[in-house]
């Protein structure tokens, strides 16, 4: 069934190539799938297609609005050290473009966590520690942001990432 799902999403590209928003959404869905099945090269290629959509239009509509953050997380998780410079550039650009998409505590955690990890791996421990401290504070939040949606926005960090953040934060 997974292959059929991939084929259906592929039809979006072939039959509706003029529908940029639909294609961007399909690319992001595929990226997430490929990341889950550990096909990291395919996930990266799909995230990059979403970034092309972001460049072609001022809108991030029909996507999570955070495909660039997802790409940075992929770069970090795969330890693609040759791409850390690009990851830092993406994070710096993201801070200027997506305040609306990072209003959820879970997304803020992802942002601060990824930035801390990127800065740490590019040799800026002091700056990295500041982001790590912010991420660790956000990781402790367990109160819902929306009373009718008790789990929306609550960070659920990976224990390995928390360990890395604690190590980075120790450089304060």
C-alpha atoms as a PDB file:
ATOM      1  CA  UNK A   1       0.000   0.000   0.000  1.00  0.00           C
ATOM      2  CA  UNK A   2       2.909   2.350   0.633  1.00  0.00           C
ATOM      3  CA  UNK A   3       4.042   2.054  -2.976  1.00  0.00           C
ATOM      4  CA  UNK A   4       0.500   2.816  -4.118  1.00  0.00           C
ATOM      5  CA  UNK A   5       0.495   5.906  -1.910  1.00  0.00           C
ATOM      6  CA  UNK A   6       3.779   7.038  -3.449  1.00  0.00           C
ATOM      7  CA  UNK A   7       2.304   6.501  -6.909  1.00  0.00           C
ATOM      8  CA  UNK A   8      -0.802   8.506  -6.022  1.00  0.00           C
ATOM      9  CA  UNK A   9       1.315  11.393  -4.820  1.00  0.00           C
ATOM     10  CA  UNK A  10       3.365  11.080  -8.004  1.00  0.00           C
ATOM     11  CA  UNK A  11       0.167  11.586  -9.987  1.00  0.00           C
ATOM     12  CA  UNK A  12      -0.140  15.010  -8.374  1.00  0.00           C
ATOM     13  CA  UNK A  13       3.139  15.949 -10.056  1.00  0.00           C
ATOM     14  CA  UNK A  14       2.215  14.555 -13.463  1.00  0.00           C
ATOM     15  CA  UNK A  15      -1.463  15.524 -13.700  1.00  0.00           C
ATOM     16  CA  UNK A  16      -1.464  18.770 -11.739  1.00  0.00           C
ATOM     17  CA  UNK A  17       1.983  20.192 -12.398  1.00  0.00           C
ATOM     18  CA  UNK A  18       0.496  23.690 -12.613  1.00  0.00           C
ATOM     19  CA  UNK A  19      -0.886  23.425  -9.064  1.00  0.00           C
ATOM     20  CA  UNK A  20       2.178  24.486  -7.086  1.00  0.00           C
ATOM     21  CA  UNK A  21       0.485  24.338  -3.691  1.00  0.00           C
ATOM     22  CA  UNK A  22      -0.766  20.794  -4.207  1.00  0.00           C
ATOM     23  CA  UNK A  23       2.635  19.692  -5.477  1.00  0.00           C
ATOM     24  CA  UNK A  24       4.432  21.292  -2.515  1.00  0.00           C
ATOM     25  CA  UNK A  25       2.107  19.500  -0.110  1.00  0.00           C
ATOM     26  CA  UNK A  26       2.676  16.181  -1.888  1.00  0.00           C
ATOM     27  CA  UNK A  27       6.457  16.694  -1.841  1.00  0.00           C
ATOM     28  CA  UNK A  28       6.374  17.372   1.888  1.00  0.00           C
ATOM     29  CA  UNK A  29       4.263  14.278   2.531  1.00  0.00           C
ATOM     30  CA  UNK A  30       6.717  12.184   0.537  1.00  0.00           C
ATOM     31  CA  UNK A  31       9.665  13.716   2.391  1.00  0.00           C
ATOM     32  CA  UNK A  32       8.155  12.741   5.720  1.00  0.00           C
ATOM     33  CA  UNK A  33       7.472   9.225   4.502  1.00  0.00           C
ATOM     34  CA  UNK A  34      10.979   8.769   3.122  1.00  0.00           C
ATOM     35  CA  UNK A  35      12.471  10.069   6.364  1.00  0.00           C
ATOM     36  CA  UNK A  36      10.422   7.566   8.395  1.00  0.00           C
ATOM     37  CA  UNK A  37      11.597   4.653   6.215  1.00  0.00           C
ATOM     38  CA  UNK A  38      15.183   5.960   6.406  1.00  0.00           C
ATOM     39  CA  UNK A  39      15.508   6.744   2.701  1.00  0.00           C
ATOM     40  CA  UNK A  40      17.312   9.956   3.582  1.00  0.00           C
ATOM     41  CA  UNK A  41      18.453  10.867   0.082  1.00  0.00           C
ATOM     42  CA  UNK A  42      14.883  10.734  -1.213  1.00  0.00           C
ATOM     43  CA  UNK A  43      13.634  12.682   1.823  1.00  0.00           C
ATOM     44  CA  UNK A  44      16.217  15.388   1.206  1.00  0.00           C
ATOM     45  CA  UNK A  45      15.253  15.629  -2.468  1.00  0.00           C
ATOM     46  CA  UNK A  46      11.572  16.025  -1.552  1.00  0.00           C
ATOM     47  CA  UNK A  47      12.273  18.672   1.098  1.00  0.00           C
ATOM     48  CA  UNK A  48      14.305  20.570  -1.489  1.00  0.00           C
ATOM     49  CA  UNK A  49      11.297  20.539  -3.829  1.00  0.00           C
ATOM     50  CA  UNK A  50       9.253  22.208  -1.093  1.00  0.00           C
ATOM     51  CA  UNK A  51      11.993  24.805  -0.650  1.00  0.00           C
ATOM     52  CA  UNK A  52      11.725  25.555  -4.379  1.00  0.00           C
ATOM     53  CA  UNK A  53       8.023  26.236  -3.794  1.00  0.00           C
ATOM     54  CA  UNK A  54       8.930  28.591  -0.924  1.00  0.00           C
ATOM     55  CA  UNK A  55      11.281  30.467  -3.264  1.00  0.00           C
ATOM     56  CA  UNK A  56       8.745  30.616  -6.107  1.00  0.00           C
ATOM     57  CA  UNK A  57       5.923  32.034  -4.010  1.00  0.00           C
ATOM     58  CA  UNK A  58       5.709  34.252  -0.954  1.00  0.00           C
ATOM     59  CA  UNK A  59       3.347  31.703   0.572  1.00  0.00           C
ATOM     60  CA  UNK A  60       3.993  28.600   2.621  1.00  0.00           C
ATOM     61  CA  UNK A  61       0.338  27.615   2.306  1.00  0.00           C
ATOM     62  CA  UNK A  62      -0.547  23.924   2.020  1.00  0.00           C
ATOM     63  CA  UNK A  63       2.708  22.911   3.696  1.00  0.00           C
ATOM     64  CA  UNK A  64       3.757  22.763   7.323  1.00  0.00           C
ATOM     65  CA  UNK A  65       5.552  26.035   6.637  1.00  0.00           C
ATOM     66  CA  UNK A  66       8.644  24.449   8.143  1.00  0.00           C
ATOM     67  CA  UNK A  67      10.097  22.207   5.440  1.00  0.00           C
ATOM     68  CA  UNK A  68      13.370  24.116   5.746  1.00  0.00           C
ATOM     69  CA  UNK A  69      13.487  23.253   9.453  1.00  0.00           C
ATOM     70  CA  UNK A  70      12.702  19.629   8.600  1.00  0.00           C
ATOM     71  CA  UNK A  71      15.572  19.608   6.108  1.00  0.00           C
ATOM     72  CA  UNK A  72      17.931  21.020   8.748  1.00  0.00           C
ATOM     73  CA  UNK A  73      16.811  18.319  11.196  1.00  0.00           C
ATOM     74  CA  UNK A  74      17.466  15.694   8.514  1.00  0.00           C
ATOM     75  CA  UNK A  75      20.958  17.106   7.929  1.00  0.00           C
ATOM     76  CA  UNK A  76      21.620  16.989  11.673  1.00  0.00           C
ATOM     77  CA  UNK A  77      20.175  13.517  12.180  1.00  0.00           C
ATOM     78  CA  UNK A  78      22.235  12.069   9.328  1.00  0.00           C
ATOM     79  CA  UNK A  79      25.338  13.959  10.506  1.00  0.00           C
ATOM     80  CA  UNK A  80      25.884  15.340   7.002  1.00  0.00           C
ATOM     81  CA  UNK A  81      28.695  17.593   8.197  1.00  0.00           C
ATOM     82  CA  UNK A  82      29.353  18.886   4.693  1.00  0.00           C
ATOM     83  CA  UNK A  83      25.920  20.512   4.809  1.00  0.00           C
ATOM     84  CA  UNK A  84      26.155  22.175   8.233  1.00  0.00           C
ATOM     85  CA  UNK A  85      26.954  25.536   6.654  1.00  0.00           C
ATOM     86  CA  UNK A  86      23.817  25.309   4.536  1.00  0.00           C
ATOM     87  CA  UNK A  87      21.849  24.242   7.614  1.00  0.00           C
ATOM     88  CA  UNK A  88      23.016  27.329   9.473  1.00  0.00           C
ATOM     89  CA  UNK A  89      22.011  29.560   6.542  1.00  0.00           C
ATOM     90  CA  UNK A  90      18.587  27.935   6.434  1.00  0.00           C
ATOM     91  CA  UNK A  91      18.135  28.493  10.167  1.00  0.00           C
ATOM     92  CA  UNK A  92      19.151  32.145   9.974  1.00  0.00           C
ATOM     93  CA  UNK A  93      16.749  32.712   7.069  1.00  0.00           C
ATOM     94  CA  UNK A  94      14.006  30.800   8.834  1.00  0.00           C
ATOM     95  CA  UNK A  95      14.169  33.090  11.850  1.00  0.00           C
ATOM     96  CA  UNK A  96      13.238  35.996   9.606  1.00  0.00           C
ATOM     97  CA  UNK A  97      10.481  34.335   7.594  1.00  0.00           C
ATOM     98  CA  UNK A  98       8.278  32.106   9.676  1.00  0.00           C
ATOM     99  CA  UNK A  99       7.219  33.641  12.960  1.00  0.00           C
ATOM    100  CA  UNK A 100       3.638  32.615  12.231  1.00  0.00           C
ATOM    101  CA  UNK A 101       4.619  28.975  11.781  1.00  0.00           C
ATOM    102  CA  UNK A 102       6.705  28.800  14.931  1.00  0.00           C
ATOM    103  CA  UNK A 103       4.108  30.029  17.398  1.00  0.00           C
ATOM    104  CA  UNK A 104       3.429  26.523  18.716  1.00  0.00           C
ATOM    105  CA  UNK A 105       5.723  25.508  21.556  1.00  0.00           C
ATOM    106  CA  UNK A 106       6.494  22.242  19.779  1.00  0.00           C
ATOM    107  CA  UNK A 107       7.702  24.147  16.713  1.00  0.00           C
ATOM    108  CA  UNK A 108       9.615  26.646  18.838  1.00  0.00           C
ATOM    109  CA  UNK A 109      11.336  23.710  20.513  1.00  0.00           C
ATOM    110  CA  UNK A 110      12.255  22.255  17.118  1.00  0.00           C
ATOM    111  CA  UNK A 111      13.598  25.619  15.975  1.00  0.00           C
ATOM    112  CA  UNK A 112      15.734  26.334  19.058  1.00  0.00           C
ATOM    113  CA  UNK A 113      16.900  22.741  19.279  1.00  0.00           C
ATOM    114  CA  UNK A 114      17.985  22.591  15.641  1.00  0.00           C
ATOM    115  CA  UNK A 115      19.715  25.967  15.831  1.00  0.00           C
ATOM    116  CA  UNK A 116      21.588  24.927  18.999  1.00  0.00           C
ATOM    117  CA  UNK A 117      22.734  21.712  17.356  1.00  0.00           C
ATOM    118  CA  UNK A 118      23.816  23.453  14.149  1.00  0.00           C
ATOM    119  CA  UNK A 119      25.754  26.140  16.010  1.00  0.00           C
ATOM    120  CA  UNK A 120      27.398  23.568  18.236  1.00  0.00           C
ATOM    121  CA  UNK A 121      28.505  21.505  15.267  1.00  0.00           C
ATOM    122  CA  UNK A 122      29.857  24.555  13.447  1.00  0.00           C
ATOM    123  CA  UNK A 123      32.050  25.571  16.371  1.00  0.00           C
ATOM    124  CA  UNK A 124      30.034  28.288  18.135  1.00  0.00           C
ATOM    125  CA  UNK A 125      29.443  26.812  21.597  1.00  0.00           C
ATOM    126  CA  UNK A 126      28.441  30.059  23.322  1.00  0.00           C
ATOM    127  CA  UNK A 127      25.703  30.938  20.844  1.00  0.00           C
ATOM    128  CA  UNK A 128      24.648  27.282  20.672  1.00  0.00           C
ATOM    129  CA  UNK A 129      24.259  27.145  24.441  1.00  0.00           C
ATOM    130  CA  UNK A 130      21.822  30.061  24.405  1.00  0.00           C
ATOM    131  CA  UNK A 131      19.541  28.246  21.953  1.00  0.00           C
ATOM    132  CA  UNK A 132      19.934  24.975  23.867  1.00  0.00           C
ATOM    133  CA  UNK A 133      18.792  26.616  27.108  1.00  0.00           C
ATOM    134  CA  UNK A 134      15.707  27.991  25.348  1.00  0.00           C
ATOM    135  CA  UNK A 135      14.959  24.581  23.817  1.00  0.00           C
ATOM    136  CA  UNK A 136      15.305  22.833  27.175  1.00  0.00           C
ATOM    137  CA  UNK A 137      12.889  25.307  28.785  1.00  0.00           C
ATOM    138  CA  UNK A 138      10.390  24.656  26.012  1.00  0.00           C
ATOM    139  CA  UNK A 139      10.831  20.886  26.384  1.00  0.00           C
ATOM    140  CA  UNK A 140       9.481  21.127  29.941  1.00  0.00           C
ATOM    141  CA  UNK A 141       6.176  22.660  28.876  1.00  0.00           C
ATOM    142  CA  UNK A 142       3.325  20.217  29.318  1.00  0.00           C
ATOM    143  CA  UNK A 143       0.399  22.625  29.426  1.00  0.00           C
ATOM    144  CA  UNK A 144      -1.749  22.749  26.287  1.00  0.00           C
ATOM    145  CA  UNK A 145      -1.731  25.973  24.330  1.00  0.00           C
ATOM    146  CA  UNK A 146      -5.340  25.450  23.301  1.00  0.00           C
ATOM    147  CA  UNK A 147      -7.836  24.192  25.893  1.00  0.00           C
ATOM    148  CA  UNK A 148      -9.866  22.217  23.359  1.00  0.00           C
ATOM    149  CA  UNK A 149      -6.764  20.581  21.846  1.00  0.00           C
ATOM    150  CA  UNK A 150      -4.831  19.231  24.828  1.00  0.00           C
ATOM    151  CA  UNK A 151      -1.854  17.838  22.891  1.00  0.00           C
ATOM    152  CA  UNK A 152      -1.348  20.489  20.217  1.00  0.00           C
ATOM    153  CA  UNK A 153       1.887  22.379  20.633  1.00  0.00           C
ATOM    154  CA  UNK A 154       3.307  20.272  23.458  1.00  0.00           C
ATOM    155  CA  UNK A 155       6.941  19.410  22.695  1.00  0.00           C
ATOM    156  CA  UNK A 156       7.822  15.718  22.665  1.00  0.00           C
ATOM    157  CA  UNK A 157      11.585  15.704  22.219  1.00  0.00           C
ATOM    158  CA  UNK A 158      13.672  12.681  21.393  1.00  0.00           C
ATOM    159  CA  UNK A 159      15.710  11.622  24.470  1.00  0.00           C
ATOM    160  CA  UNK A 160      18.940  11.600  22.437  1.00  0.00           C
ATOM    161  CA  UNK A 161      18.342  15.172  21.320  1.00  0.00           C
ATOM    162  CA  UNK A 162      17.683  16.185  24.932  1.00  0.00           C
ATOM    163  CA  UNK A 163      21.039  14.659  25.940  1.00  0.00           C
ATOM    164  CA  UNK A 164      22.752  16.604  23.169  1.00  0.00           C
ATOM    165  CA  UNK A 165      21.003  19.819  24.262  1.00  0.00           C
ATOM    166  CA  UNK A 166      22.063  19.336  27.894  1.00  0.00           C
ATOM    167  CA  UNK A 167      25.653  18.870  26.747  1.00  0.00           C
ATOM    168  CA  UNK A 168      25.453  21.997  24.583  1.00  0.00           C
ATOM    169  CA  UNK A 169      23.765  24.033  27.350  1.00  0.00           C
ATOM    170  CA  UNK A 170      26.589  23.175  29.751  1.00  0.00           C
ATOM    171  CA  UNK A 171      28.736  25.642  27.774  1.00  0.00           C
ATOM    172  CA  UNK A 172      26.821  28.657  29.132  1.00  0.00           C
END
